[in-house]
C-alpha atoms as a PDB file:
ATOM      1  CA  UNK A   1     -25.894   9.877  14.047  1.00  0.00           C
ATOM      2  CA  UNK A   2     -24.017   6.641  14.238  1.00  0.00           C
ATOM      3  CA  UNK A   3     -25.382   5.083  11.179  1.00  0.00           C
ATOM      4  CA  UNK A   4     -25.015   8.863   9.588  1.00  0.00           C
ATOM      5  CA  UNK A   5     -21.479   8.370  10.061  1.00  0.00           C
ATOM      6  CA  UNK A   6     -21.213   4.890   8.905  1.00  0.00           C
ATOM      7  CA  UNK A   7     -22.342   5.499   5.824  1.00  0.00           C
ATOM      8  CA  UNK A   8     -19.971   8.366   5.086  1.00  0.00           C
ATOM      9  CA  UNK A   9     -17.025   5.940   5.964  1.00  0.00           C
ATOM     10  CA  UNK A  10     -18.531   3.319   3.400  1.00  0.00           C
ATOM     11  CA  UNK A  11     -18.977   6.142   0.975  1.00  0.00           C
ATOM     12  CA  UNK A  12     -15.441   7.365   1.372  1.00  0.00           C
ATOM     13  CA  UNK A  13     -13.670   3.993   1.205  1.00  0.00           C
ATOM     14  CA  UNK A  14     -15.875   3.127  -2.292  1.00  0.00           C
ATOM     15  CA  UNK A  15     -14.683   6.252  -3.873  1.00  0.00           C
ATOM     16  CA  UNK A  16     -10.577   5.444  -2.523  1.00  0.00           C
ATOM     17  CA  UNK A  17     -11.131   2.093  -3.928  1.00  0.00           C
ATOM     18  CA  UNK A  18     -12.412   3.665  -7.357  1.00  0.00           C
ATOM     19  CA  UNK A  19      -9.776   5.827  -7.641  1.00  0.00           C
ATOM     20  CA  UNK A  20      -7.226   3.452  -6.836  1.00  0.00           C
ATOM     21  CA  UNK A  21      -8.321   0.776  -9.817  1.00  0.00           C
ATOM     22  CA  UNK A  22      -8.590   4.089 -12.388  1.00  0.00           C
ATOM     23  CA  UNK A  23      -5.229   5.020 -11.324  1.00  0.00           C
ATOM     24  CA  UNK A  24      -3.159   2.034  -9.941  1.00  0.00           C
ATOM     25  CA  UNK A  25      -1.618   1.510  -6.890  1.00  0.00           C
ATOM     26  CA  UNK A  26      -0.303   5.275  -5.679  1.00  0.00           C
ATOM     27  CA  UNK A  27       2.003   3.772  -3.147  1.00  0.00           C
ATOM     28  CA  UNK A  28       3.737   1.654  -6.073  1.00  0.00           C
ATOM     29  CA  UNK A  29       4.211   4.740  -8.137  1.00  0.00           C
ATOM     30  CA  UNK A  30       6.503   6.357  -5.666  1.00  0.00           C
ATOM     31  CA  UNK A  31       8.357   3.479  -4.363  1.00  0.00           C
ATOM     32  CA  UNK A  32      11.561   3.278  -5.586  1.00  0.00           C
ATOM     33  CA  UNK A  33      14.470   0.154  -5.712  1.00  0.00           C
ATOM     34  CA  UNK A  34      17.786   0.872  -5.129  1.00  0.00           C
ATOM     35  CA  UNK A  35      19.750   0.604  -8.243  1.00  0.00           C
ATOM     36  CA  UNK A  36      21.484  -3.301  -8.976  1.00  0.00           C
ATOM     37  CA  UNK A  37      25.231  -3.400  -9.413  1.00  0.00           C
ATOM     38  CA  UNK A  38      26.786  -2.123 -12.197  1.00  0.00           C
ATOM     39  CA  UNK A  39      27.701  -4.749 -15.475  1.00  0.00           C
ATOM     40  CA  UNK A  40      30.934  -5.976 -15.419  1.00  0.00           C
ATOM     41  CA  UNK A  41      31.745  -3.794 -18.151  1.00  0.00           C
ATOM     42  CA  UNK A  42      31.154  -0.889 -15.940  1.00  0.00           C
ATOM     43  CA  UNK A  43      33.635  -1.818 -13.304  1.00  0.00           C
ATOM     44  CA  UNK A  44      36.360  -0.262 -13.700  1.00  0.00           C
ATOM     45  CA  UNK A  45      39.897  -1.761 -12.652  1.00  0.00           C
ATOM     46  CA  UNK A  46      42.273   0.102 -11.019  1.00  0.00           C
ATOM     47  CA  UNK A  47      45.827   0.107 -12.784  1.00  0.00           C
ATOM     48  CA  UNK A  48      49.056   0.615 -10.860  1.00  0.00           C
ATOM     49  CA  UNK A  49      50.753   3.814 -11.344  1.00  0.00           C
ATOM     50  CA  UNK A  50      54.372   2.344  -9.704  1.00  0.00           C
END
């Protein structure tokens, strides 16, 4: 039984590696980066109303 389970794990691992090569890194697709600071032209200056 141990050999059969080991073979199943090996087959499943090979399938996952093959899918990762075909589709790319699945974790990289869902990872998001925080937006960077705005450009200087997008920074609004506060004007005094007094």
